[in-house]
Each structure stands twice: as structure tokens, then as C-alpha cells.
Amino acid sequence: MKSQQRLASPDRARLGRALLPAALIAALCAPAAAQDYPARDIGGWTVAGSKDKKGCFVTRTYPGAGATTLLLGLDVDDSNHLSVLNDNWSIRPKDRLKLNFRLTTGGYSDHFAIGIAADGKKGFVTDFEAKFPAYFASSKALHISRGDVPVAQLSLEGSGAAVVELRRCVGLHRAKARAGAPERPSASKIPKDPFAPGPARKAKD
């Protein structure tokens, strides 16, 4: 077995600003009819667009105690978030956690996460460096622990094809966002003094 390389973790302050549990819940509960990108099954994973149309997510629910749900979201700005939920867990929303995440190619120790609740389940959400989706796609399993206490041991079989489709979904949203962005005014159309009376306003020299 390969030795575990410690992968880079995001800045904690940035993580605190970036994690929005309400937005995650909206993504989980968004009906397929509301999406420009219809949800589809890829190798045992569901890939769908988020309700706010700012990204997409890939998710899977595992059989077993508590029916653990794993969700990886990717936004048009390339930020990502990972959530894990379970019917049996007692995590409270906004709890601050330090967890260990181990992939086939490396791991993240004492990684910061925040407690959330969605669809009657409790769990946590966190984010990672920009390369995390690639590590996720190339790994066979994700093991999560809280110190010496195991939290989840999840198969990532089929995640490679699912992440390829996830990126395609995000690309569609990104292209639509760019197409709908307002055109920036030409500098030549900006008056020299936009606060002057009408006749006194002149374009830049």
C-alpha cells in the first residue's frame, strides 16, 4: 500500500467564509425539473446541477447503518465542497470539527469541517484545494476518521467517470454565466465628469 502523502489544506479563514450550509441544502433538495442540466446516473453516482445554477454536484447514498450520503460539489469558480450525511449521527449544525480524510493517493489530517443538517440527516461539510476533485476521481475509497474513531469508509468506485461528467456540467453552467454577463461599458463612453449638468458632460479626452 502506498504511503499516505499529506495533501494541502485550504486556509481556515477562507473555509469559514466559503461554507454555506443553506446553499448545500438547496443543492441537495433541488428538483430535477428546476435544472437546466437534467440529473443523470453515471456509474452508480448521480450528477446534477445545483438549484442556483452556480455549479453542479455528484452524490451517492450507501447501504448500511444510517444510509450515508456523500456529495461532492464543484462551482463555476472552481471552488468545491464535500458533505457527508448520516441518519444516525448526532452532529449539530455549525459544530466545528477536525477530521482526517484519507484517499488512495494521499490524505488530509485535522481538516476543518462544519456540522450541517439536511433531508432529516446530520453530517458535515468542508472544502478542499482545487485539485481535490482530481484526487477524488482517481481514488478507490475515502476513509474518514475523528482522531482514532472511524467515521466512514466509502467506496469511490465509478467516481472517475462521474467527475468527468461533473466537470462537463460545470462547464455548461460556466458558459451560460459568461454568455449572460452584462457587457462592460467602453471607457470612451464614460463622461469626464458624470456628475456635471447634461450639456457639460463630455466623454473622456
N, C-alpha and C. Protein backbone atom coordinates (compact mmCIF):
# COMPACT_ATOMS: atom_id res chain seq x y z
N MET A 1 0.84 -1.20 0.00
CA MET A 1 0.00 0.00 0.00
C MET A 1 0.87 1.24 0.00
N LYS A 2 0.50 2.20 -0.79
CA LYS A 2 1.30 3.41 -0.88
C LYS A 2 1.26 4.18 0.44
N SER A 3 2.39 4.83 0.76
CA SER A 3 2.38 5.69 1.93
C SER A 3 1.48 6.89 1.66
N GLN A 4 0.86 7.41 2.71
CA GLN A 4 -0.10 8.49 2.54
C GLN A 4 0.61 9.83 2.51
N GLN A 5 0.47 10.51 1.38
CA GLN A 5 1.02 11.85 1.24
C GLN A 5 0.04 12.83 1.86
N ARG A 6 0.54 13.78 2.62
CA ARG A 6 -0.35 14.79 3.20
C ARG A 6 -0.60 15.86 2.16
N LEU A 7 -1.83 16.00 1.75
CA LEU A 7 -2.20 16.96 0.73
C LEU A 7 -2.47 18.31 1.36
N ALA A 8 -2.39 19.35 0.54
CA ALA A 8 -2.57 20.71 1.04
C ALA A 8 -4.00 20.94 1.48
N SER A 9 -4.17 21.68 2.58
CA SER A 9 -5.50 22.03 3.07
C SER A 9 -5.76 23.50 2.82
N PRO A 10 -7.05 23.89 2.62
CA PRO A 10 -7.35 25.29 2.40
C PRO A 10 -7.18 26.10 3.67
N ASP A 11 -7.00 27.39 3.53
CA ASP A 11 -6.89 28.29 4.66
C ASP A 11 -8.18 28.27 5.48
N ARG A 12 -8.08 28.15 6.79
CA ARG A 12 -9.27 28.01 7.63
C ARG A 12 -10.18 29.23 7.53
N ALA A 13 -9.62 30.44 7.48
CA ALA A 13 -10.45 31.63 7.38
C ALA A 13 -11.25 31.62 6.08
N ARG A 14 -10.62 31.20 4.98
CA ARG A 14 -11.33 31.12 3.71
C ARG A 14 -12.42 30.09 3.78
N LEU A 15 -12.15 28.98 4.46
CA LEU A 15 -13.14 27.93 4.60
C LEU A 15 -14.36 28.45 5.34
N GLY A 16 -14.14 29.19 6.41
CA GLY A 16 -15.26 29.72 7.17
C GLY A 16 -16.14 30.63 6.34
N ARG A 17 -15.55 31.40 5.45
CA ARG A 17 -16.33 32.29 4.58
C ARG A 17 -17.03 31.50 3.49
N ALA A 18 -16.40 30.44 3.02
CA ALA A 18 -16.90 29.74 1.83
C ALA A 18 -18.03 28.78 2.13
N LEU A 19 -18.06 28.19 3.33
CA LEU A 19 -19.06 27.16 3.61
C LEU A 19 -20.41 27.78 3.91
N LEU A 20 -21.39 27.45 3.08
CA LEU A 20 -22.74 27.96 3.25
C LEU A 20 -23.69 26.77 3.32
N PRO A 21 -23.95 26.22 4.50
CA PRO A 21 -24.80 25.04 4.60
C PRO A 21 -26.15 25.20 3.94
N ALA A 22 -26.76 26.40 3.99
CA ALA A 22 -28.07 26.60 3.37
C ALA A 22 -28.00 26.36 1.87
N ALA A 23 -26.92 26.81 1.26
CA ALA A 23 -26.76 26.60 -0.18
C ALA A 23 -26.59 25.12 -0.49
N LEU A 24 -25.89 24.41 0.38
CA LEU A 24 -25.71 22.97 0.18
C LEU A 24 -27.05 22.26 0.27
N ILE A 25 -27.86 22.64 1.26
CA ILE A 25 -29.17 22.02 1.42
C ILE A 25 -30.03 22.28 0.19
N ALA A 26 -29.96 23.50 -0.34
CA ALA A 26 -30.72 23.82 -1.55
C ALA A 26 -30.29 22.94 -2.71
N ALA A 27 -28.98 22.68 -2.79
CA ALA A 27 -28.49 21.82 -3.87
C ALA A 27 -28.99 20.40 -3.72
N LEU A 28 -29.01 19.92 -2.48
CA LEU A 28 -29.48 18.56 -2.23
C LEU A 28 -30.96 18.39 -2.54
N CYS A 29 -31.75 19.44 -2.29
CA CYS A 29 -33.21 19.32 -2.38
C CYS A 29 -33.75 19.84 -3.71
N ALA A 30 -32.89 20.35 -4.59
CA ALA A 30 -33.38 20.93 -5.83
C ALA A 30 -34.05 19.88 -6.70
N PRO A 31 -35.29 20.12 -7.15
CA PRO A 31 -35.95 19.16 -8.04
C PRO A 31 -35.30 19.16 -9.41
N ALA A 32 -35.27 17.98 -10.05
CA ALA A 32 -34.62 17.86 -11.35
C ALA A 32 -35.23 18.79 -12.37
N ALA A 33 -36.55 19.05 -12.26
CA ALA A 33 -37.22 19.90 -13.24
C ALA A 33 -36.72 21.33 -13.20
N ALA A 34 -36.10 21.72 -12.09
CA ALA A 34 -35.64 23.10 -11.95
C ALA A 34 -34.27 23.30 -12.58
N GLN A 35 -33.66 22.26 -13.06
CA GLN A 35 -32.29 22.35 -13.56
C GLN A 35 -32.24 22.48 -15.08
N ASP A 36 -31.32 23.31 -15.56
CA ASP A 36 -31.04 23.34 -16.99
C ASP A 36 -30.32 22.06 -17.40
N TYR A 37 -29.60 21.48 -16.46
CA TYR A 37 -28.88 20.23 -16.69
C TYR A 37 -29.64 19.12 -15.97
N PRO A 38 -30.30 18.23 -16.69
CA PRO A 38 -31.08 17.18 -16.02
C PRO A 38 -30.18 16.19 -15.29
N ALA A 39 -30.61 15.77 -14.11
CA ALA A 39 -29.84 14.80 -13.33
C ALA A 39 -29.69 13.50 -14.11
N ARG A 40 -28.54 12.87 -13.95
CA ARG A 40 -28.29 11.61 -14.64
C ARG A 40 -27.43 10.69 -13.78
N ASP A 41 -27.56 9.41 -13.99
CA ASP A 41 -26.78 8.41 -13.27
C ASP A 41 -25.55 8.02 -14.08
N ILE A 42 -24.40 8.09 -13.45
CA ILE A 42 -23.12 7.73 -14.08
C ILE A 42 -22.39 6.77 -13.17
N GLY A 43 -22.35 5.50 -13.53
CA GLY A 43 -21.58 4.51 -12.77
C GLY A 43 -21.94 4.41 -11.31
N GLY A 44 -23.24 4.50 -10.98
CA GLY A 44 -23.64 4.39 -9.59
C GLY A 44 -23.70 5.71 -8.85
N TRP A 45 -23.34 6.81 -9.53
CA TRP A 45 -23.39 8.15 -8.95
C TRP A 45 -24.46 8.97 -9.66
N THR A 46 -25.04 9.93 -8.96
CA THR A 46 -25.98 10.87 -9.57
C THR A 46 -25.27 12.20 -9.76
N VAL A 47 -25.31 12.73 -10.98
CA VAL A 47 -24.72 14.03 -11.29
C VAL A 47 -25.86 14.98 -11.62
N ALA A 48 -25.85 16.15 -11.01
CA ALA A 48 -26.94 17.11 -11.22
C ALA A 48 -26.43 18.53 -11.07
N GLY A 49 -27.19 19.47 -11.62
CA GLY A 49 -26.86 20.88 -11.46
C GLY A 49 -27.46 21.42 -10.18
N SER A 50 -26.78 22.38 -9.55
CA SER A 50 -27.30 22.98 -8.32
C SER A 50 -28.44 23.93 -8.66
N LYS A 51 -29.32 24.15 -7.70
CA LYS A 51 -30.51 24.97 -7.94
C LYS A 51 -30.15 26.41 -8.31
N ASP A 52 -29.05 26.93 -7.73
CA ASP A 52 -28.66 28.31 -8.02
C ASP A 52 -27.92 28.47 -9.34
N LYS A 53 -27.69 27.35 -10.04
CA LYS A 53 -27.03 27.34 -11.35
C LYS A 53 -25.60 27.87 -11.30
N LYS A 54 -25.00 27.80 -10.12
CA LYS A 54 -23.61 28.26 -9.97
C LYS A 54 -22.64 27.09 -9.90
N GLY A 55 -23.13 25.89 -10.14
CA GLY A 55 -22.26 24.73 -10.10
C GLY A 55 -23.06 23.45 -10.22
N CYS A 56 -22.40 22.34 -9.95
CA CYS A 56 -23.02 21.02 -10.07
C CYS A 56 -22.51 20.14 -8.93
N PHE A 57 -23.14 18.99 -8.75
CA PHE A 57 -22.67 18.09 -7.71
C PHE A 57 -22.83 16.64 -8.15
N VAL A 58 -22.04 15.78 -7.53
CA VAL A 58 -22.13 14.34 -7.73
C VAL A 58 -22.39 13.73 -6.36
N THR A 59 -23.35 12.81 -6.29
CA THR A 59 -23.73 12.29 -4.99
C THR A 59 -24.04 10.80 -5.07
N ARG A 60 -23.96 10.16 -3.90
CA ARG A 60 -24.22 8.73 -3.82
C ARG A 60 -24.64 8.40 -2.40
N THR A 61 -25.64 7.54 -2.24
CA THR A 61 -26.07 7.07 -0.92
C THR A 61 -25.71 5.60 -0.79
N TYR A 62 -25.09 5.26 0.33
CA TYR A 62 -24.56 3.91 0.54
C TYR A 62 -25.50 3.09 1.42
N PRO A 63 -25.65 1.81 1.12
CA PRO A 63 -26.44 0.95 2.01
C PRO A 63 -25.69 0.76 3.32
N GLY A 64 -26.43 0.40 4.36
CA GLY A 64 -25.78 0.18 5.65
C GLY A 64 -26.36 1.08 6.71
N ALA A 65 -25.76 1.04 7.89
CA ALA A 65 -26.27 1.80 9.03
C ALA A 65 -26.34 3.29 8.73
N GLY A 66 -27.53 3.86 8.84
CA GLY A 66 -27.69 5.30 8.66
C GLY A 66 -27.73 5.78 7.24
N ALA A 67 -27.57 4.89 6.26
CA ALA A 67 -27.62 5.26 4.84
C ALA A 67 -26.80 6.52 4.56
N THR A 68 -25.50 6.41 4.70
CA THR A 68 -24.60 7.56 4.50
C THR A 68 -24.72 8.12 3.09
N THR A 69 -24.83 9.45 3.01
CA THR A 69 -24.86 10.14 1.72
C THR A 69 -23.59 10.97 1.57
N LEU A 70 -22.93 10.81 0.46
CA LEU A 70 -21.71 11.56 0.13
C LEU A 70 -22.02 12.48 -1.04
N LEU A 71 -21.63 13.73 -0.95
CA LEU A 71 -21.87 14.71 -2.03
C LEU A 71 -20.62 15.54 -2.25
N LEU A 72 -20.18 15.61 -3.50
CA LEU A 72 -19.07 16.49 -3.89
C LEU A 72 -19.62 17.54 -4.84
N GLY A 73 -19.51 18.80 -4.46
CA GLY A 73 -19.99 19.89 -5.29
C GLY A 73 -18.83 20.67 -5.89
N LEU A 74 -19.01 21.14 -7.11
CA LEU A 74 -17.99 21.93 -7.80
C LEU A 74 -18.68 23.14 -8.42
N ASP A 75 -18.17 24.34 -8.14
CA ASP A 75 -18.78 25.57 -8.62
C ASP A 75 -18.06 26.11 -9.85
N VAL A 76 -18.70 27.07 -10.52
CA VAL A 76 -18.13 27.62 -11.75
C VAL A 76 -16.82 28.36 -11.49
N ASP A 77 -16.57 28.78 -10.24
CA ASP A 77 -15.30 29.44 -9.91
C ASP A 77 -14.23 28.44 -9.48
N ASP A 78 -14.51 27.13 -9.67
CA ASP A 78 -13.60 26.03 -9.35
C ASP A 78 -13.47 25.74 -7.85
N SER A 79 -14.25 26.41 -7.02
CA SER A 79 -14.27 26.04 -5.60
C SER A 79 -15.07 24.75 -5.45
N ASN A 80 -14.82 24.02 -4.39
CA ASN A 80 -15.50 22.75 -4.19
C ASN A 80 -15.97 22.60 -2.75
N HIS A 81 -16.90 21.70 -2.51
CA HIS A 81 -17.30 21.37 -1.15
C HIS A 81 -17.70 19.90 -1.10
N LEU A 82 -17.39 19.29 0.01
CA LEU A 82 -17.71 17.88 0.23
C LEU A 82 -18.58 17.78 1.47
N SER A 83 -19.69 17.05 1.35
CA SER A 83 -20.54 16.83 2.52
C SER A 83 -20.78 15.34 2.70
N VAL A 84 -20.91 14.94 3.96
CA VAL A 84 -21.24 13.55 4.30
C VAL A 84 -22.34 13.62 5.35
N LEU A 85 -23.44 12.88 5.11
CA LEU A 85 -24.61 12.90 5.98
C LEU A 85 -25.01 11.48 6.36
N ASN A 86 -25.59 11.34 7.57
CA ASN A 86 -25.99 10.00 8.03
C ASN A 86 -27.18 10.15 8.99
N ASP A 87 -28.12 9.21 8.89
CA ASP A 87 -29.32 9.25 9.74
C ASP A 87 -29.00 9.12 11.23
N ASN A 88 -27.90 8.45 11.57
CA ASN A 88 -27.63 8.12 12.97
C ASN A 88 -26.73 9.11 13.69
N TRP A 89 -26.14 10.04 12.99
CA TRP A 89 -25.14 10.91 13.61
C TRP A 89 -25.79 11.99 14.46
N SER A 90 -25.04 12.44 15.47
CA SER A 90 -25.55 13.45 16.42
C SER A 90 -24.87 14.81 16.25
N ILE A 91 -24.18 15.01 15.13
CA ILE A 91 -23.55 16.30 14.88
C ILE A 91 -24.62 17.39 14.87
N ARG A 92 -24.32 18.54 15.45
CA ARG A 92 -25.26 19.66 15.44
C ARG A 92 -24.84 20.66 14.36
N PRO A 93 -25.79 21.32 13.75
CA PRO A 93 -25.45 22.36 12.76
C PRO A 93 -24.50 23.39 13.37
N LYS A 94 -23.49 23.74 12.59
CA LYS A 94 -22.47 24.72 12.95
C LYS A 94 -21.44 24.20 13.94
N ASP A 95 -21.53 22.92 14.34
CA ASP A 95 -20.44 22.33 15.12
C ASP A 95 -19.14 22.44 14.33
N ARG A 96 -18.04 22.71 15.01
CA ARG A 96 -16.74 22.79 14.36
C ARG A 96 -15.97 21.51 14.64
N LEU A 97 -15.50 20.89 13.58
CA LEU A 97 -14.89 19.57 13.69
C LEU A 97 -13.50 19.56 13.07
N LYS A 98 -12.67 18.64 13.56
CA LYS A 98 -11.39 18.33 12.93
C LYS A 98 -11.42 16.86 12.56
N LEU A 99 -11.33 16.59 11.26
CA LEU A 99 -11.46 15.22 10.77
C LEU A 99 -10.26 14.86 9.90
N ASN A 100 -10.01 13.58 9.78
CA ASN A 100 -8.96 13.07 8.89
C ASN A 100 -9.62 12.45 7.66
N PHE A 101 -9.15 12.83 6.49
CA PHE A 101 -9.67 12.30 5.23
C PHE A 101 -8.53 11.58 4.52
N ARG A 102 -8.74 10.30 4.17
CA ARG A 102 -7.70 9.52 3.53
C ARG A 102 -8.21 8.98 2.19
N LEU A 103 -7.53 9.37 1.13
CA LEU A 103 -7.80 8.87 -0.21
C LEU A 103 -6.72 7.87 -0.60
N THR A 104 -6.88 7.25 -1.76
CA THR A 104 -5.88 6.29 -2.23
C THR A 104 -4.53 6.96 -2.44
N THR A 105 -4.55 8.22 -2.89
CA THR A 105 -3.31 8.90 -3.26
C THR A 105 -2.77 9.84 -2.19
N GLY A 106 -3.45 9.98 -1.08
CA GLY A 106 -2.97 10.89 -0.05
C GLY A 106 -4.05 11.19 0.96
N GLY A 107 -3.79 12.16 1.82
CA GLY A 107 -4.78 12.44 2.85
C GLY A 107 -4.68 13.85 3.40
N TYR A 108 -5.66 14.19 4.21
CA TYR A 108 -5.75 15.50 4.88
C TYR A 108 -5.98 15.22 6.36
N SER A 109 -5.04 15.64 7.19
CA SER A 109 -5.15 15.40 8.63
C SER A 109 -5.67 16.63 9.35
N ASP A 110 -6.48 16.42 10.39
CA ASP A 110 -7.03 17.52 11.19
C ASP A 110 -7.65 18.59 10.31
N HIS A 111 -8.46 18.15 9.37
CA HIS A 111 -9.06 19.06 8.40
C HIS A 111 -10.36 19.63 8.97
N PHE A 112 -10.54 20.93 8.81
CA PHE A 112 -11.67 21.63 9.41
C PHE A 112 -12.96 21.34 8.66
N ALA A 113 -14.05 21.10 9.40
CA ALA A 113 -15.37 20.87 8.82
C ALA A 113 -16.43 21.49 9.73
N ILE A 114 -17.61 21.71 9.18
CA ILE A 114 -18.71 22.34 9.92
C ILE A 114 -19.94 21.43 9.88
N GLY A 115 -20.62 21.30 11.00
CA GLY A 115 -21.81 20.47 11.09
C GLY A 115 -22.98 21.07 10.33
N ILE A 116 -23.78 20.20 9.69
CA ILE A 116 -24.96 20.62 8.95
C ILE A 116 -26.07 19.60 9.16
N ALA A 117 -27.29 19.97 8.74
CA ALA A 117 -28.41 19.04 8.73
C ALA A 117 -29.17 19.24 7.42
N ALA A 118 -29.59 18.15 6.78
CA ALA A 118 -30.31 18.24 5.51
C ALA A 118 -31.10 16.96 5.30
N ASP A 119 -32.32 17.10 4.81
CA ASP A 119 -33.17 15.94 4.49
C ASP A 119 -33.30 14.96 5.65
N GLY A 120 -33.36 15.48 6.87
CA GLY A 120 -33.51 14.63 8.04
C GLY A 120 -32.24 13.96 8.51
N LYS A 121 -31.15 14.19 7.81
CA LYS A 121 -29.86 13.62 8.20
C LYS A 121 -28.96 14.70 8.79
N LYS A 122 -27.96 14.27 9.55
CA LYS A 122 -26.96 15.18 10.10
C LYS A 122 -25.58 14.77 9.58
N GLY A 123 -24.71 15.75 9.49
CA GLY A 123 -23.38 15.45 8.98
C GLY A 123 -22.51 16.68 8.99
N PHE A 124 -21.63 16.78 8.02
CA PHE A 124 -20.68 17.89 7.98
C PHE A 124 -20.38 18.26 6.53
N VAL A 125 -19.85 19.47 6.37
CA VAL A 125 -19.43 19.95 5.06
C VAL A 125 -18.05 20.59 5.22
N THR A 126 -17.24 20.45 4.21
CA THR A 126 -15.91 21.06 4.20
C THR A 126 -15.53 21.37 2.76
N ASP A 127 -14.42 22.05 2.58
CA ASP A 127 -13.91 22.26 1.23
C ASP A 127 -12.43 21.92 1.19
N PHE A 128 -11.90 21.79 -0.02
CA PHE A 128 -10.52 21.38 -0.20
C PHE A 128 -9.85 22.23 -1.27
N GLU A 129 -8.58 21.97 -1.49
CA GLU A 129 -7.84 22.65 -2.54
C GLU A 129 -8.45 22.32 -3.91
N ALA A 130 -8.08 23.11 -4.92
CA ALA A 130 -8.68 22.98 -6.25
C ALA A 130 -8.43 21.61 -6.88
N LYS A 131 -7.35 20.94 -6.48
CA LYS A 131 -7.02 19.64 -7.08
C LYS A 131 -7.82 18.48 -6.48
N PHE A 132 -8.59 18.76 -5.44
CA PHE A 132 -9.28 17.66 -4.74
C PHE A 132 -10.18 16.84 -5.66
N PRO A 133 -11.00 17.43 -6.55
CA PRO A 133 -11.84 16.59 -7.41
C PRO A 133 -11.04 15.58 -8.23
N ALA A 134 -9.82 15.96 -8.66
CA ALA A 134 -8.97 15.03 -9.41
C ALA A 134 -8.51 13.89 -8.51
N TYR A 135 -8.13 14.20 -7.26
CA TYR A 135 -7.74 13.16 -6.32
C TYR A 135 -8.92 12.23 -6.02
N PHE A 136 -10.09 12.82 -5.86
CA PHE A 136 -11.32 12.07 -5.60
C PHE A 136 -11.59 11.10 -6.75
N ALA A 137 -11.46 11.60 -7.97
CA ALA A 137 -11.76 10.79 -9.16
C ALA A 137 -10.79 9.63 -9.34
N SER A 138 -9.56 9.79 -8.89
CA SER A 138 -8.55 8.76 -9.11
C SER A 138 -8.40 7.80 -7.93
N SER A 139 -9.22 7.97 -6.90
CA SER A 139 -9.13 7.13 -5.70
C SER A 139 -10.18 6.04 -5.69
N LYS A 140 -9.87 4.96 -5.03
CA LYS A 140 -10.80 3.82 -4.92
C LYS A 140 -11.69 3.92 -3.69
N ALA A 141 -11.24 4.69 -2.70
CA ALA A 141 -12.01 4.78 -1.46
C ALA A 141 -11.70 6.08 -0.74
N LEU A 142 -12.62 6.48 0.11
CA LEU A 142 -12.44 7.62 1.00
C LEU A 142 -12.72 7.15 2.42
N HIS A 143 -11.70 7.24 3.28
CA HIS A 143 -11.85 6.87 4.68
C HIS A 143 -11.79 8.14 5.52
N ILE A 144 -12.74 8.29 6.42
CA ILE A 144 -12.83 9.48 7.26
C ILE A 144 -12.79 9.04 8.72
N SER A 145 -12.03 9.77 9.54
CA SER A 145 -11.96 9.43 10.96
C SER A 145 -11.91 10.70 11.80
N ARG A 146 -12.31 10.57 13.04
CA ARG A 146 -12.22 11.66 14.03
C ARG A 146 -11.23 11.21 15.08
N GLY A 147 -9.98 11.63 14.89
CA GLY A 147 -8.91 11.09 15.71
C GLY A 147 -8.76 9.60 15.40
N ASP A 148 -8.87 8.76 16.43
CA ASP A 148 -8.78 7.31 16.24
C ASP A 148 -10.13 6.66 15.99
N VAL A 149 -11.19 7.46 15.96
CA VAL A 149 -12.54 6.91 15.81
C VAL A 149 -12.94 6.92 14.33
N PRO A 150 -13.22 5.76 13.74
CA PRO A 150 -13.64 5.75 12.33
C PRO A 150 -15.01 6.39 12.17
N VAL A 151 -15.16 7.19 11.13
CA VAL A 151 -16.43 7.87 10.83
C VAL A 151 -17.13 7.22 9.65
N ALA A 152 -16.39 7.02 8.56
CA ALA A 152 -16.97 6.42 7.35
C ALA A 152 -15.87 5.83 6.50
N GLN A 153 -16.17 4.73 5.83
CA GLN A 153 -15.27 4.09 4.88
C GLN A 153 -16.08 3.87 3.60
N LEU A 154 -15.88 4.73 2.63
CA LEU A 154 -16.77 4.81 1.47
C LEU A 154 -16.04 4.44 0.18
N SER A 155 -16.64 3.57 -0.60
CA SER A 155 -16.09 3.21 -1.89
C SER A 155 -16.29 4.37 -2.88
N LEU A 156 -15.26 4.65 -3.66
CA LEU A 156 -15.36 5.67 -4.71
C LEU A 156 -15.36 5.03 -6.10
N GLU A 157 -15.72 3.77 -6.16
CA GLU A 157 -15.78 3.08 -7.45
C GLU A 157 -16.71 3.83 -8.41
N GLY A 158 -16.21 4.07 -9.61
CA GLY A 158 -17.00 4.79 -10.61
C GLY A 158 -16.90 6.29 -10.53
N SER A 159 -16.15 6.81 -9.55
CA SER A 159 -16.08 8.26 -9.37
C SER A 159 -15.33 8.96 -10.50
N GLY A 160 -14.44 8.24 -11.18
CA GLY A 160 -13.69 8.86 -12.29
C GLY A 160 -14.62 9.35 -13.38
N ALA A 161 -15.51 8.47 -13.86
CA ALA A 161 -16.45 8.86 -14.91
C ALA A 161 -17.44 9.89 -14.39
N ALA A 162 -17.83 9.78 -13.12
CA ALA A 162 -18.78 10.73 -12.55
C ALA A 162 -18.19 12.13 -12.47
N VAL A 163 -16.91 12.24 -12.12
CA VAL A 163 -16.27 13.56 -12.03
C VAL A 163 -16.07 14.16 -13.42
N VAL A 164 -15.80 13.33 -14.43
CA VAL A 164 -15.72 13.83 -15.80
C VAL A 164 -17.05 14.49 -16.18
N GLU A 165 -18.15 13.83 -15.86
CA GLU A 165 -19.48 14.38 -16.16
C GLU A 165 -19.77 15.60 -15.29
N LEU A 166 -19.30 15.58 -14.05
CA LEU A 166 -19.45 16.73 -13.17
C LEU A 166 -18.79 17.96 -13.78
N ARG A 167 -17.59 17.79 -14.30
CA ARG A 167 -16.89 18.92 -14.91
C ARG A 167 -17.62 19.41 -16.16
N ARG A 168 -18.21 18.49 -16.91
CA ARG A 168 -18.96 18.88 -18.10
C ARG A 168 -20.18 19.72 -17.70
N CYS A 169 -20.85 19.30 -16.65
CA CYS A 169 -22.00 20.05 -16.14
C CYS A 169 -21.59 21.46 -15.71
N VAL A 170 -20.48 21.55 -14.97
CA VAL A 170 -19.99 22.86 -14.52
C VAL A 170 -19.61 23.73 -15.72
N GLY A 171 -19.01 23.11 -16.74
CA GLY A 171 -18.64 23.86 -17.95
C GLY A 171 -19.85 24.46 -18.64
N LEU A 172 -20.96 23.73 -18.66
CA LEU A 172 -22.19 24.26 -19.26
C LEU A 172 -22.70 25.46 -18.48
N HIS A 173 -22.69 25.37 -17.16
CA HIS A 173 -23.12 26.49 -16.33
C HIS A 173 -22.19 27.68 -16.48
N ARG A 174 -20.88 27.40 -16.57
CA ARG A 174 -19.90 28.48 -16.71
C ARG A 174 -20.10 29.22 -18.04
N ALA A 175 -20.33 28.46 -19.11
CA ALA A 175 -20.54 29.08 -20.42
C ALA A 175 -21.81 29.94 -20.42
N LYS A 176 -22.86 29.46 -19.78
CA LYS A 176 -24.11 30.23 -19.72
C LYS A 176 -23.93 31.49 -18.88
N ALA A 177 -23.15 31.39 -17.81
CA ALA A 177 -22.91 32.55 -16.97
C ALA A 177 -22.14 33.63 -17.73
N ARG A 178 -21.17 33.19 -18.52
CA ARG A 178 -20.40 34.16 -19.30
C ARG A 178 -21.24 34.79 -20.39
N ALA A 179 -22.10 33.98 -21.01
CA ALA A 179 -22.95 34.50 -22.09
C ALA A 179 -23.96 35.50 -21.56
N GLY A 180 -24.39 35.32 -20.32
CA GLY A 180 -25.39 36.22 -19.75
C GLY A 180 -24.81 37.39 -18.99
N ALA A 181 -23.47 37.49 -18.92
CA ALA A 181 -22.85 38.58 -18.18
C ALA A 181 -23.05 39.90 -18.92
N PRO A 182 -23.37 41.00 -18.22
CA PRO A 182 -23.57 42.29 -18.88
C PRO A 182 -22.28 42.79 -19.53
N GLU A 183 -22.43 43.41 -20.67
CA GLU A 183 -21.26 43.92 -21.38
C GLU A 183 -20.67 45.10 -20.63
N ARG A 184 -19.37 45.11 -20.48
CA ARG A 184 -18.70 46.21 -19.78
C ARG A 184 -18.70 47.45 -20.65
N PRO A 185 -19.05 48.62 -20.09
CA PRO A 185 -19.08 49.83 -20.91
C PRO A 185 -17.69 50.21 -21.39
N SER A 186 -17.63 50.71 -22.61
CA SER A 186 -16.36 51.16 -23.15
C SER A 186 -15.89 52.39 -22.40
N ALA A 187 -14.59 52.45 -22.13
CA ALA A 187 -14.04 53.59 -21.40
C ALA A 187 -14.32 54.90 -22.12
N SER A 188 -14.42 54.86 -23.45
CA SER A 188 -14.65 56.08 -24.23
C SER A 188 -16.05 56.64 -24.02
N LYS A 189 -16.99 55.78 -23.51
CA LYS A 189 -18.36 56.23 -23.29
C LYS A 189 -18.58 56.79 -21.90
N ILE A 190 -17.58 56.72 -21.05
CA ILE A 190 -17.71 57.24 -19.70
C ILE A 190 -17.39 58.73 -19.70
N PRO A 191 -18.32 59.58 -19.24
CA PRO A 191 -18.07 61.03 -19.25
C PRO A 191 -16.88 61.42 -18.39
N LYS A 192 -16.28 62.54 -18.74
CA LYS A 192 -15.15 63.05 -17.96
C LYS A 192 -15.63 63.39 -16.56
N ASP A 193 -16.84 64.00 -16.46
CA ASP A 193 -17.45 64.30 -15.16
C ASP A 193 -18.90 63.84 -15.22
N PRO A 194 -19.18 62.63 -14.77
CA PRO A 194 -20.54 62.10 -14.86
C PRO A 194 -21.55 62.81 -13.97
N PHE A 195 -21.06 63.72 -13.07
CA PHE A 195 -21.95 64.42 -12.16
C PHE A 195 -22.26 65.84 -12.61
N ALA A 196 -21.68 66.26 -13.71
CA ALA A 196 -21.92 67.61 -14.24
C ALA A 196 -23.29 67.68 -14.90
N PRO A 197 -23.89 68.89 -15.03
CA PRO A 197 -25.15 69.03 -15.77
C PRO A 197 -25.01 68.47 -17.17
N GLY A 198 -26.14 68.05 -17.76
CA GLY A 198 -26.13 67.37 -19.05
C GLY A 198 -25.21 67.97 -20.10
N PRO A 199 -25.37 69.23 -20.46
CA PRO A 199 -24.54 69.79 -21.55
C PRO A 199 -23.07 69.84 -21.23
N ALA A 200 -22.74 69.87 -19.91
CA ALA A 200 -21.33 69.99 -19.53
C ALA A 200 -20.60 68.66 -19.51
N ARG A 201 -21.39 67.55 -19.58
CA ARG A 201 -20.76 66.24 -19.57
C ARG A 201 -20.08 65.99 -20.90
N LYS A 202 -18.88 65.56 -20.89
CA LYS A 202 -18.13 65.24 -22.12
C LYS A 202 -17.44 63.91 -21.94
N ALA A 203 -17.26 63.21 -23.03
CA ALA A 203 -16.54 61.95 -22.98
C ALA A 203 -15.09 62.21 -22.63
N LYS A 204 -14.42 61.16 -22.21
CA LYS A 204 -13.00 61.29 -21.89
C LYS A 204 -12.22 61.82 -23.07
N ASP A 205 -11.21 62.62 -22.76
CA ASP A 205 -10.32 63.10 -23.85
C ASP A 205 -9.46 61.94 -24.34
